[in-house]
């Protein structure tokens, strides 16, 4: 794949109040529970007044939160794979051809 700028995502927490709900509604990935709101977004588009949940704090997430975060990442990965589908297919085809050539050479060496 090309050397594109990598997009970094961050996780933020908000209180369940008017401001928190309003901010979450502007974001693509949000999870609103009765007790807190989670927002997962590009670091450059960090929401105002959110508390960042860093890697060292992810143990505080519930199993449902972890699944939601995993689902968000799967959506992002699927979109990136779709964007680069032709390039990925080409690379895979090249590797298959290389493997076939190696196998053919080994077969011919045995004969």
PDB file of N, CA and C in Angstrom:
ATOM      1  N   UNK A   1       0.826  -1.179   0.000  1.00  0.00           N
ATOM      2  CA  UNK A   1       0.000   0.000   0.000  1.00  0.00           C
ATOM      3  C   UNK A   1       0.873   1.247   0.000  1.00  0.00           C
ATOM      4  N   UNK A   2       0.308   2.326  -0.395  1.00  0.00           N
ATOM      5  CA  UNK A   2       1.058   3.566  -0.455  1.00  0.00           C
ATOM      6  C   UNK A   2       1.335   4.076   0.950  1.00  0.00           C
ATOM      7  N   UNK A   3       2.343   4.923   1.035  1.00  0.00           N
ATOM      8  CA  UNK A   3       2.701   5.494   2.332  1.00  0.00           C
ATOM      9  C   UNK A   3       1.811   6.690   2.624  1.00  0.00           C
ATOM     10  N   UNK A   4       0.578   6.412   2.955  1.00  0.00           N
ATOM     11  CA  UNK A   4      -0.361   7.479   3.280  1.00  0.00           C
ATOM     12  C   UNK A   4      -0.206   7.861   4.738  1.00  0.00           C
ATOM     13  N   UNK A   5      -0.714   9.012   5.057  1.00  0.00           N
ATOM     14  CA  UNK A   5      -0.742   9.449   6.431  1.00  0.00           C
ATOM     15  C   UNK A   5      -1.676   8.531   7.203  1.00  0.00           C
ATOM     16  N   UNK A   6      -1.190   7.982   8.308  1.00  0.00           N
ATOM     17  CA  UNK A   6      -2.018   7.095   9.101  1.00  0.00           C
ATOM     18  C   UNK A   6      -2.952   7.918   9.980  1.00  0.00           C
ATOM     19  N   UNK A   7      -4.195   7.504  10.018  1.00  0.00           N
ATOM     20  CA  UNK A   7      -5.190   8.177  10.834  1.00  0.00           C
ATOM     21  C   UNK A   7      -5.221   7.505  12.199  1.00  0.00           C
ATOM     22  N   UNK A   8      -5.132   8.298  13.233  1.00  0.00           N
ATOM     23  CA  UNK A   8      -5.162   7.793  14.596  1.00  0.00           C
ATOM     24  C   UNK A   8      -6.531   8.075  15.197  1.00  0.00           C
ATOM     25  N   UNK A   9      -7.079   7.062  15.849  1.00  0.00           N
ATOM     26  CA  UNK A   9      -8.363   7.219  16.526  1.00  0.00           C
ATOM     27  C   UNK A   9      -8.139   7.237  18.030  1.00  0.00           C
ATOM     28  N   UNK A  10      -8.974   7.995  18.716  1.00  0.00           N
ATOM     29  CA  UNK A  10      -8.913   8.069  20.173  1.00  0.00           C
ATOM     30  C   UNK A  10     -10.307   7.867  20.749  1.00  0.00           C
ATOM     31  N   UNK A  11     -10.321   7.407  21.991  1.00  0.00           N
ATOM     32  CA  UNK A  11     -11.570   7.134  22.699  1.00  0.00           C
ATOM     33  C   UNK A  11     -11.764   8.185  23.787  1.00  0.00           C
ATOM     34  N   UNK A  12     -12.974   8.725  23.853  1.00  0.00           N
ATOM     35  CA  UNK A  12     -13.299   9.758  24.832  1.00  0.00           C
ATOM     36  C   UNK A  12     -14.554   9.371  25.600  1.00  0.00           C
ATOM     37  N   UNK A  13     -14.622   9.831  26.850  1.00  0.00           N
ATOM     38  CA  UNK A  13     -15.795   9.605  27.692  1.00  0.00           C
ATOM     39  C   UNK A  13     -16.442  10.948  28.026  1.00  0.00           C
ATOM     40  N   UNK A  14     -17.762  10.894  28.147  1.00  0.00           N
ATOM     41  CA  UNK A  14     -18.545  12.080  28.491  1.00  0.00           C
ATOM     42  C   UNK A  14     -19.588  11.707  29.532  1.00  0.00           C
ATOM     43  N   UNK A  15     -20.037  12.718  30.252  1.00  0.00           N
ATOM     44  CA  UNK A  15     -21.182  12.531  31.132  1.00  0.00           C
ATOM     45  C   UNK A  15     -22.443  12.439  30.289  1.00  0.00           C
ATOM     46  N   UNK A  16     -23.448  11.787  30.835  1.00  0.00           N
ATOM     47  CA  UNK A  16     -24.736  11.722  30.143  1.00  0.00           C
ATOM     48  C   UNK A  16     -25.513  12.973  30.538  1.00  0.00           C
ATOM     49  N   UNK A  17     -25.306  13.994  29.765  1.00  0.00           N
ATOM     50  CA  UNK A  17     -26.039  15.248  29.944  1.00  0.00           C
ATOM     51  C   UNK A  17     -26.249  15.861  28.571  1.00  0.00           C
ATOM     52  N   UNK A  18     -26.887  17.003  28.544  1.00  0.00           N
ATOM     53  CA  UNK A  18     -27.204  17.650  27.264  1.00  0.00           C
ATOM     54  C   UNK A  18     -25.952  17.857  26.414  1.00  0.00           C
ATOM     55  N   UNK A  19     -24.889  18.362  27.015  1.00  0.00           N
ATOM     56  CA  UNK A  19     -23.653  18.625  26.265  1.00  0.00           C
ATOM     57  C   UNK A  19     -23.024  17.335  25.753  1.00  0.00           C
ATOM     58  N   UNK A  20     -22.998  16.311  26.599  1.00  0.00           N
ATOM     59  CA  UNK A  20     -22.419  15.032  26.199  1.00  0.00           C
ATOM     60  C   UNK A  20     -23.183  14.396  25.058  1.00  0.00           C
ATOM     61  N   UNK A  21     -24.494  14.409  25.156  1.00  0.00           N
ATOM     62  CA  UNK A  21     -25.335  13.827  24.098  1.00  0.00           C
ATOM     63  C   UNK A  21     -25.203  14.629  22.812  1.00  0.00           C
ATOM     64  N   UNK A  22     -25.151  15.936  22.943  1.00  0.00           N
ATOM     65  CA  UNK A  22     -25.003  16.806  21.765  1.00  0.00           C
ATOM     66  C   UNK A  22     -23.672  16.529  21.054  1.00  0.00           C
ATOM     67  N   UNK A  23     -22.605  16.420  21.829  1.00  0.00           N
ATOM     68  CA  UNK A  23     -21.285  16.148  21.233  1.00  0.00           C
ATOM     69  C   UNK A  23     -21.257  14.763  20.598  1.00  0.00           C
ATOM     70  N   UNK A  24     -21.817  13.778  21.272  1.00  0.00           N
ATOM     71  CA  UNK A  24     -21.836  12.410  20.742  1.00  0.00           C
ATOM     72  C   UNK A  24     -22.631  12.335  19.445  1.00  0.00           C
ATOM     73  N   UNK A  25     -23.697  13.093  19.354  1.00  0.00           N
ATOM     74  CA  UNK A  25     -24.541  13.041  18.152  1.00  0.00           C
ATOM     75  C   UNK A  25     -23.817  13.583  16.920  1.00  0.00           C
ATOM     76  N   UNK A  26     -22.755  14.339  17.111  1.00  0.00           N
ATOM     77  CA  UNK A  26     -21.975  14.876  15.989  1.00  0.00           C
ATOM     78  C   UNK A  26     -20.944  13.870  15.479  1.00  0.00           C
ATOM     79  N   UNK A  27     -20.701  12.817  16.258  1.00  0.00           N
ATOM     80  CA  UNK A  27     -19.635  11.883  15.949  1.00  0.00           C
ATOM     81  C   UNK A  27     -20.156  10.640  15.234  1.00  0.00           C
ATOM     82  N   UNK A  28     -19.300  10.055  14.449  1.00  0.00           N
ATOM     83  CA  UNK A  28     -19.653   8.842  13.708  1.00  0.00           C
ATOM     84  C   UNK A  28     -19.826   7.647  14.639  1.00  0.00           C
ATOM     85  N   UNK A  29     -18.878   7.462  15.551  1.00  0.00           N
ATOM     86  CA  UNK A  29     -18.927   6.332  16.477  1.00  0.00           C
ATOM     87  C   UNK A  29     -19.189   6.843  17.891  1.00  0.00           C
ATOM     88  N   UNK A  30     -20.351   6.535  18.410  1.00  0.00           N
ATOM     89  CA  UNK A  30     -20.655   6.896  19.793  1.00  0.00           C
ATOM     90  C   UNK A  30     -21.474   5.790  20.443  1.00  0.00           C
ATOM     91  N   UNK A  31     -21.314   5.672  21.744  1.00  0.00           N
ATOM     92  CA  UNK A  31     -22.057   4.682  22.530  1.00  0.00           C
ATOM     93  C   UNK A  31     -22.595   5.413  23.751  1.00  0.00           C
ATOM     94  N   UNK A  32     -23.911   5.433  23.863  1.00  0.00           N
ATOM     95  CA  UNK A  32     -24.548   6.125  24.977  1.00  0.00           C
ATOM     96  C   UNK A  32     -25.168   5.082  25.896  1.00  0.00           C
ATOM     97  N   UNK A  33     -24.723   5.083  27.137  1.00  0.00           N
ATOM     98  CA  UNK A  33     -25.263   4.183  28.149  1.00  0.00           C
ATOM     99  C   UNK A  33     -26.003   5.040  29.181  1.00  0.00           C
ATOM    100  N   UNK A  34     -26.684   4.428  30.122  1.00  0.00           N
ATOM    101  CA  UNK A  34     -27.354   5.231  31.155  1.00  0.00           C
ATOM    102  C   UNK A  34     -26.373   6.006  32.054  1.00  0.00           C
ATOM    103  N   UNK A  35     -25.099   5.594  32.064  1.00  0.00           N
ATOM    104  CA  UNK A  35     -24.154   6.179  33.015  1.00  0.00           C
ATOM    105  C   UNK A  35     -23.032   6.997  32.381  1.00  0.00           C
ATOM    106  N   UNK A  36     -22.743   6.776  31.110  1.00  0.00           N
ATOM    107  CA  UNK A  36     -21.654   7.480  30.449  1.00  0.00           C
ATOM    108  C   UNK A  36     -21.840   7.387  28.936  1.00  0.00           C
ATOM    109  N   UNK A  37     -21.071   8.202  28.240  1.00  0.00           N
ATOM    110  CA  UNK A  37     -21.068   8.215  26.777  1.00  0.00           C
ATOM    111  C   UNK A  37     -19.637   7.986  26.321  1.00  0.00           C
ATOM    112  N   UNK A  38     -19.467   7.134  25.320  1.00  0.00           N
ATOM    113  CA  UNK A  38     -18.159   6.928  24.705  1.00  0.00           C
ATOM    114  C   UNK A  38     -18.198   7.446  23.272  1.00  0.00           C
ATOM    115  N   UNK A  39     -17.133   8.089  22.870  1.00  0.00           N
ATOM    116  CA  UNK A  39     -16.980   8.579  21.497  1.00  0.00           C
ATOM    117  C   UNK A  39     -15.632   8.095  21.000  1.00  0.00           C
ATOM    118  N   UNK A  40     -15.632   7.487  19.813  1.00  0.00           N
ATOM    119  CA  UNK A  40     -14.406   7.023  19.166  1.00  0.00           C
ATOM    120  C   UNK A  40     -14.271   7.809  17.879  1.00  0.00           C
ATOM    121  N   UNK A  41     -13.183   8.582  17.770  1.00  0.00           N
ATOM    122  CA  UNK A  41     -13.061   9.463  16.605  1.00  0.00           C
ATOM    123  C   UNK A  41     -11.596   9.676  16.249  1.00  0.00           C
ATOM    124  N   UNK A  42     -11.397  10.271  15.084  1.00  0.00           N
ATOM    125  CA  UNK A  42     -10.050  10.621  14.652  1.00  0.00           C
ATOM    126  C   UNK A  42      -9.466  11.615  15.648  1.00  0.00           C
ATOM    127  N   UNK A  43      -8.193  11.434  15.953  1.00  0.00           N
ATOM    128  CA  UNK A  43      -7.536  12.287  16.948  1.00  0.00           C
ATOM    129  C   UNK A  43      -7.644  13.767  16.582  1.00  0.00           C
ATOM    130  N   UNK A  44      -7.563  14.063  15.273  1.00  0.00           N
ATOM    131  CA  UNK A  44      -7.640  15.458  14.828  1.00  0.00           C
ATOM    132  C   UNK A  44      -9.020  16.049  15.039  1.00  0.00           C
ATOM    133  N   UNK A  45     -10.021  15.189  15.181  1.00  0.00           N
ATOM    134  CA  UNK A  45     -11.397  15.658  15.365  1.00  0.00           C
ATOM    135  C   UNK A  45     -11.862  15.417  16.804  1.00  0.00           C
ATOM    136  N   UNK A  46     -10.922  15.505  17.731  1.00  0.00           N
ATOM    137  CA  UNK A  46     -11.229  15.243  19.138  1.00  0.00           C
ATOM    138  C   UNK A  46     -12.347  16.160  19.625  1.00  0.00           C
ATOM    139  N   UNK A  47     -13.337  15.590  20.282  1.00  0.00           N
ATOM    140  CA  UNK A  47     -14.451  16.402  20.770  1.00  0.00           C
ATOM    141  C   UNK A  47     -14.036  17.275  21.957  1.00  0.00           C
ATOM    142  N   UNK A  48     -14.755  18.357  22.121  1.00  0.00           N
ATOM    143  CA  UNK A  48     -14.484  19.262  23.229  1.00  0.00           C
ATOM    144  C   UNK A  48     -15.048  18.669  24.513  1.00  0.00           C
ATOM    145  N   UNK A  49     -14.376  18.945  25.592  1.00  0.00           N
ATOM    146  CA  UNK A  49     -14.833  18.571  26.934  1.00  0.00           C
ATOM    147  C   UNK A  49     -14.893  17.069  27.190  1.00  0.00           C
ATOM    148  N   UNK A  50     -14.319  16.272  26.334  1.00  0.00           N
ATOM    149  CA  UNK A  50     -14.293  14.834  26.569  1.00  0.00           C
ATOM    150  C   UNK A  50     -13.054  14.451  27.355  1.00  0.00           C
ATOM    151  N   UNK A  51     -13.148  13.357  28.068  1.00  0.00           N
ATOM    152  CA  UNK A  51     -12.003  12.832  28.807  1.00  0.00           C
ATOM    153  C   UNK A  51     -11.448  11.678  27.994  1.00  0.00           C
ATOM    154  N   UNK A  52     -10.192  11.801  27.586  1.00  0.00           N
ATOM    155  CA  UNK A  52      -9.594  10.744  26.776  1.00  0.00           C
ATOM    156  C   UNK A  52      -9.365   9.500  27.622  1.00  0.00           C
ATOM    157  N   UNK A  53      -9.735   8.360  27.061  1.00  0.00           N
ATOM    158  CA  UNK A  53      -9.470   7.076  27.690  1.00  0.00           C
ATOM    159  C   UNK A  53      -8.263   6.496  26.972  1.00  0.00           C
ATOM    160  N   UNK A  54      -7.148   6.442  27.684  1.00  0.00           N
ATOM    161  CA  UNK A  54      -5.909   5.966  27.087  1.00  0.00           C
ATOM    162  C   UNK A  54      -5.806   4.453  27.207  1.00  0.00           C
ATOM    163  N   UNK A  55      -4.776   3.909  26.573  1.00  0.00           N
ATOM    164  CA  UNK A  55      -4.544   2.458  26.581  1.00  0.00           C
ATOM    165  C   UNK A  55      -4.458   1.915  28.009  1.00  0.00           C
ATOM    166  N   UNK A  56      -3.865   2.679  28.908  1.00  0.00           N
ATOM    167  CA  UNK A  56      -3.701   2.208  30.290  1.00  0.00           C
ATOM    168  C   UNK A  56      -5.020   2.209  31.071  1.00  0.00           C
ATOM    169  N   UNK A  57      -6.044   2.848  30.516  1.00  0.00           N
ATOM    170  CA  UNK A  57      -7.333   2.921  31.210  1.00  0.00           C
ATOM    171  C   UNK A  57      -8.408   2.032  30.586  1.00  0.00           C
ATOM    172  N   UNK A  58      -8.057   1.317  29.551  1.00  0.00           N
ATOM    173  CA  UNK A  58      -9.076   0.508  28.863  1.00  0.00           C
ATOM    174  C   UNK A  58      -9.591  -0.643  29.723  1.00  0.00           C
ATOM    175  N   UNK A  59      -8.883  -0.980  30.791  1.00  0.00           N
ATOM    176  CA  UNK A  59      -9.384  -2.034  31.682  1.00  0.00           C
ATOM    177  C   UNK A  59     -10.700  -1.625  32.353  1.00  0.00           C
ATOM    178  N   UNK A  60     -11.013  -0.349  32.315  1.00  0.00           N
ATOM    179  CA  UNK A  60     -12.259   0.156  32.905  1.00  0.00           C
ATOM    180  C   UNK A  60     -13.476  -0.095  32.007  1.00  0.00           C
ATOM    181  N   UNK A  61     -13.229  -0.443  30.754  1.00  0.00           N
ATOM    182  CA  UNK A  61     -14.337  -0.669  29.822  1.00  0.00           C
ATOM    183  C   UNK A  61     -15.060  -1.974  30.146  1.00  0.00           C
ATOM    184  N   UNK A  62     -16.366  -1.960  29.955  1.00  0.00           N
ATOM    185  CA  UNK A  62     -17.144  -3.185  30.135  1.00  0.00           C
ATOM    186  C   UNK A  62     -16.945  -4.085  28.921  1.00  0.00           C
ATOM    187  N   UNK A  63     -17.384  -5.310  29.012  1.00  0.00           N
ATOM    188  CA  UNK A  63     -17.303  -6.239  27.872  1.00  0.00           C
ATOM    189  C   UNK A  63     -18.077  -5.674  26.681  1.00  0.00           C
ATOM    190  N   UNK A  64     -19.214  -5.047  26.937  1.00  0.00           N
ATOM    191  CA  UNK A  64     -20.008  -4.451  25.857  1.00  0.00           C
ATOM    192  C   UNK A  64     -19.260  -3.278  25.211  1.00  0.00           C
ATOM    193  N   UNK A  65     -18.575  -2.488  26.043  1.00  0.00           N
ATOM    194  CA  UNK A  65     -17.777  -1.375  25.510  1.00  0.00           C
ATOM    195  C   UNK A  65     -16.643  -1.899  24.635  1.00  0.00           C
ATOM    196  N   UNK A  66     -15.978  -2.947  25.108  1.00  0.00           N
ATOM    197  CA  UNK A  66     -14.888  -3.545  24.333  1.00  0.00           C
ATOM    198  C   UNK A  66     -15.401  -4.077  22.998  1.00  0.00           C
ATOM    199  N   UNK A  67     -16.568  -4.716  23.012  1.00  0.00           N
ATOM    200  CA  UNK A  67     -17.141  -5.235  21.763  1.00  0.00           C
ATOM    201  C   UNK A  67     -17.502  -4.095  20.820  1.00  0.00           C
ATOM    202  N   UNK A  68     -18.082  -3.032  21.357  1.00  0.00           N
ATOM    203  CA  UNK A  68     -18.430  -1.866  20.551  1.00  0.00           C
ATOM    204  C   UNK A  68     -17.177  -1.270  19.912  1.00  0.00           C
ATOM    205  N   UNK A  69     -16.105  -1.149  20.699  1.00  0.00           N
ATOM    206  CA  UNK A  69     -14.852  -0.598  20.183  1.00  0.00           C
ATOM    207  C   UNK A  69     -14.266  -1.503  19.105  1.00  0.00           C
ATOM    208  N   UNK A  70     -14.335  -2.805  19.314  1.00  0.00           N
ATOM    209  CA  UNK A  70     -13.877  -3.762  18.311  1.00  0.00           C
ATOM    210  C   UNK A  70     -14.694  -3.611  17.024  1.00  0.00           C
ATOM    211  N   UNK A  71     -16.009  -3.487  17.166  1.00  0.00           N
ATOM    212  CA  UNK A  71     -16.874  -3.304  15.994  1.00  0.00           C
ATOM    213  C   UNK A  71     -16.519  -2.026  15.231  1.00  0.00           C
ATOM    214  N   UNK A  72     -16.239  -0.947  15.959  1.00  0.00           N
ATOM    215  CA  UNK A  72     -15.825   0.308  15.317  1.00  0.00           C
ATOM    216  C   UNK A  72     -14.562   0.082  14.485  1.00  0.00           C
ATOM    217  N   UNK A  73     -13.596  -0.594  15.084  1.00  0.00           N
ATOM    218  CA  UNK A  73     -12.333  -0.846  14.378  1.00  0.00           C
ATOM    219  C   UNK A  73     -12.518  -1.763  13.185  1.00  0.00           C
ATOM    220  N   UNK A  74     -13.414  -2.736  13.288  1.00  0.00           N
ATOM    221  CA  UNK A  74     -13.680  -3.615  12.141  1.00  0.00           C
ATOM    222  C   UNK A  74     -14.296  -2.840  10.985  1.00  0.00           C
ATOM    223  N   UNK A  75     -15.167  -1.902  11.292  1.00  0.00           N
ATOM    224  CA  UNK A  75     -15.761  -1.054  10.250  1.00  0.00           C
ATOM    225  C   UNK A  75     -14.669  -0.232   9.569  1.00  0.00           C
ATOM    226  N   UNK A  76     -13.794   0.355  10.361  1.00  0.00           N
ATOM    227  CA  UNK A  76     -12.698   1.172   9.814  1.00  0.00           C
ATOM    228  C   UNK A  76     -11.777   0.320   8.945  1.00  0.00           C
ATOM    229  N   UNK A  77     -11.415  -0.862   9.433  1.00  0.00           N
ATOM    230  CA  UNK A  77     -10.544  -1.752   8.658  1.00  0.00           C
ATOM    231  C   UNK A  77     -11.202  -2.197   7.353  1.00  0.00           C
ATOM    232  N   UNK A  78     -12.486  -2.516   7.411  1.00  0.00           N
ATOM    233  CA  UNK A  78     -13.196  -2.939   6.197  1.00  0.00           C
ATOM    234  C   UNK A  78     -13.222  -1.805   5.170  1.00  0.00           C
ATOM    235  N   UNK A  79     -13.437  -0.596   5.625  1.00  0.00           N
ATOM    236  CA  UNK A  79     -13.444   0.548   4.708  1.00  0.00           C
ATOM    237  C   UNK A  79     -12.071   0.771   4.083  1.00  0.00           C
ATOM    238  N   UNK A  80     -11.033   0.646   4.879  1.00  0.00           N
ATOM    239  CA  UNK A  80      -9.675   0.812   4.353  1.00  0.00           C
ATOM    240  C   UNK A  80      -9.342  -0.300   3.359  1.00  0.00           C
ATOM    241  N   UNK A  81      -9.748  -1.517   3.673  1.00  0.00           N
ATOM    242  CA  UNK A  81      -9.508  -2.634   2.746  1.00  0.00           C
ATOM    243  C   UNK A  81     -10.243  -2.385   1.433  1.00  0.00           C
ATOM    244  N   UNK A  82     -11.450  -1.879   1.505  1.00  0.00           N
ATOM    245  CA  UNK A  82     -12.242  -1.598   0.298  1.00  0.00           C
ATOM    246  C   UNK A  82     -11.566  -0.505  -0.543  1.00  0.00           C
ATOM    247  N   UNK A  83     -11.031   0.525   0.139  1.00  0.00           N
ATOM    248  CA  UNK A  83     -10.354   1.610  -0.574  1.00  0.00           C
ATOM    249  C   UNK A  83      -9.138   1.109  -1.345  1.00  0.00           C
ATOM    250  N   UNK A  84      -8.463   0.115  -0.787  1.00  0.00           N
ATOM    251  CA  UNK A  84      -7.221  -0.386  -1.367  1.00  0.00           C
ATOM    252  C   UNK A  84      -7.390  -1.780  -1.968  1.00  0.00           C
ATOM    253  N   UNK A  85      -8.616  -2.119  -2.315  1.00  0.00           N
ATOM    254  CA  UNK A  85      -8.922  -3.462  -2.808  1.00  0.00           C
ATOM    255  C   UNK A  85      -8.075  -3.862  -4.012  1.00  0.00           C
ATOM    256  N   UNK A  86      -7.959  -2.986  -4.982  1.00  0.00           N
ATOM    257  CA  UNK A  86      -7.190  -3.309  -6.193  1.00  0.00           C
ATOM    258  C   UNK A  86      -5.718  -3.546  -5.856  1.00  0.00           C
ATOM    259  N   UNK A  87      -5.178  -2.715  -5.018  1.00  0.00           N
ATOM    260  CA  UNK A  87      -3.776  -2.835  -4.627  1.00  0.00           C
ATOM    261  C   UNK A  87      -3.538  -4.124  -3.831  1.00  0.00           C
ATOM    262  N   UNK A  88      -4.448  -4.447  -2.927  1.00  0.00           N
ATOM    263  CA  UNK A  88      -4.339  -5.673  -2.127  1.00  0.00           C
ATOM    264  C   UNK A  88      -4.432  -6.894  -3.030  1.00  0.00           C
ATOM    265  N   UNK A  89      -5.381  -6.873  -3.956  1.00  0.00           N
ATOM    266  CA  UNK A  89      -5.552  -7.990  -4.883  1.00  0.00           C
ATOM    267  C   UNK A  89      -4.294  -8.186  -5.720  1.00  0.00           C
ATOM    268  N   UNK A  90      -3.730  -7.110  -6.203  1.00  0.00           N
ATOM    269  CA  UNK A  90      -2.517  -7.179  -7.017  1.00  0.00           C
ATOM    270  C   UNK A  90      -1.354  -7.767  -6.210  1.00  0.00           C
ATOM    271  N   UNK A  91      -1.182  -7.306  -4.990  1.00  0.00           N
ATOM    272  CA  UNK A  91      -0.109  -7.810  -4.128  1.00  0.00           C
ATOM    273  C   UNK A  91      -0.296  -9.292  -3.851  1.00  0.00           C
ATOM    274  N   UNK A  92      -1.516  -9.697  -3.548  1.00  0.00           N
ATOM    275  CA  UNK A  92      -1.789 -11.119  -3.294  1.00  0.00           C
ATOM    276  C   UNK A  92      -1.511 -11.960  -4.533  1.00  0.00           C
ATOM    277  N   UNK A  93      -1.890 -11.457  -5.688  1.00  0.00           N
ATOM    278  CA  UNK A  93      -1.652 -12.183  -6.929  1.00  0.00           C
ATOM    279  C   UNK A  93      -0.157 -12.365  -7.164  1.00  0.00           C
ATOM    280  N   UNK A  94       0.617 -11.319  -6.919  1.00  0.00           N
ATOM    281  CA  UNK A  94       2.074 -11.410  -7.072  1.00  0.00           C
ATOM    282  C   UNK A  94       2.654 -12.467  -6.142  1.00  0.00           C
ATOM    283  N   UNK A  95       2.185 -12.496  -4.918  1.00  0.00           N
ATOM    284  CA  UNK A  95       2.696 -13.474  -3.947  1.00  0.00           C
ATOM    285  C   UNK A  95       2.307 -14.896  -4.330  1.00  0.00           C
ATOM    286  N   UNK A  96       1.104 -15.071  -4.822  1.00  0.00           N
ATOM    287  CA  UNK A  96       0.670 -16.398  -5.278  1.00  0.00           C
ATOM    288  C   UNK A  96       1.556 -16.864  -6.432  1.00  0.00           C
ATOM    289  N   UNK A  97       1.848 -15.969  -7.361  1.00  0.00           N
ATOM    290  CA  UNK A  97       2.711 -16.306  -8.492  1.00  0.00           C
ATOM    291  C   UNK A  97       4.117 -16.664  -8.022  1.00  0.00           C
ATOM    292  N   UNK A  98       4.623 -15.964  -7.021  1.00  0.00           N
ATOM    293  CA  UNK A  98       5.951 -16.273  -6.474  1.00  0.00           C
ATOM    294  C   UNK A  98       5.954 -17.666  -5.834  1.00  0.00           C
ATOM    295  N   UNK A  99       4.921 -17.974  -5.094  1.00  0.00           N
ATOM    296  CA  UNK A  99       4.819 -19.292  -4.451  1.00  0.00           C
ATOM    297  C   UNK A  99       4.723 -20.389  -5.504  1.00  0.00           C
ATOM    298  N   UNK A 100       3.920 -20.145  -6.527  1.00  0.00           N
ATOM    299  CA  UNK A 100       3.791 -21.129  -7.608  1.00  0.00           C
ATOM    300  C   UNK A 100       5.135 -21.370  -8.283  1.00  0.00           C
ATOM    301  N   UNK A 101       5.902 -20.318  -8.502  1.00  0.00           N
ATOM    302  CA  UNK A 101       7.217 -20.446  -9.146  1.00  0.00           C
ATOM    303  C   UNK A 101       8.166 -21.250  -8.259  1.00  0.00           C
ATOM    304  N   UNK A 102       8.131 -20.997  -6.975  1.00  0.00           N
ATOM    305  CA  UNK A 102       8.992 -21.741  -6.045  1.00  0.00           C
ATOM    306  C   UNK A 102       8.598 -23.218  -6.031  1.00  0.00           C
ATOM    307  N   UNK A 103       7.309 -23.498  -5.970  1.00  0.00           N
ATOM    308  CA  UNK A 103       6.839 -24.881  -5.962  1.00  0.00           C
ATOM    309  C   UNK A 103       7.201 -25.599  -7.255  1.00  0.00           C
ATOM    310  N   UNK A 104       7.054 -24.893  -8.363  1.00  0.00           N
ATOM    311  CA  UNK A 104       7.391 -25.495  -9.667  1.00  0.00           C
ATOM    312  C   UNK A 104       8.897 -25.815  -9.712  1.00  0.00           C
ATOM    313  N   UNK A 105       9.721 -24.884  -9.232  1.00  0.00           N
ATOM    314  CA  UNK A 105      11.177 -25.101  -9.224  1.00  0.00           C
ATOM    315  C   UNK A 105      11.539 -26.294  -8.331  1.00  0.00           C
ATOM    316  N   UNK A 106      10.903 -26.419  -7.198  1.00  0.00           N
ATOM    317  CA  UNK A 106      11.181 -27.547  -6.308  1.00  0.00           C
ATOM    318  C   UNK A 106      10.749 -28.855  -6.928  1.00  0.00           C
ATOM    319  N   UNK A 107       9.613 -28.836  -7.619  1.00  0.00           N
ATOM    320  CA  UNK A 107       9.111 -30.059  -8.283  1.00  0.00           C
ATOM    321  C   UNK A 107      10.069 -30.478  -9.372  1.00  0.00           C
ATOM    322  N   UNK A 108      10.550 -29.498 -10.172  1.00  0.00           N
ATOM    323  CA  UNK A 108      11.475 -29.804 -11.257  1.00  0.00           C
ATOM    324  C   UNK A 108      12.821 -30.286 -10.715  1.00  0.00           C
ATOM    325  N   UNK A 109      13.219 -29.784  -9.564  1.00  0.00           N
ATOM    326  CA  UNK A 109      14.495 -30.210  -8.971  1.00  0.00           C
ATOM    327  C   UNK A 109      14.429 -31.655  -8.490  1.00  0.00           C
ATOM    328  N   UNK A 110      13.251 -32.096  -8.096  1.00  0.00           N
ATOM    329  CA  UNK A 110      13.073 -33.479  -7.624  1.00  0.00           C
ATOM    330  C   UNK A 110      13.037 -34.460  -8.784  1.00  0.00           C
ATOM    331  N   UNK A 111      12.638 -33.992  -9.943  1.00  0.00           N
ATOM    332  CA  UNK A 111      12.469 -34.897 -11.117  1.00  0.00           C
ATOM    333  C   UNK A 111      13.751 -35.237 -11.774  1.00  0.00           C
TER     334      UNK A 111
END
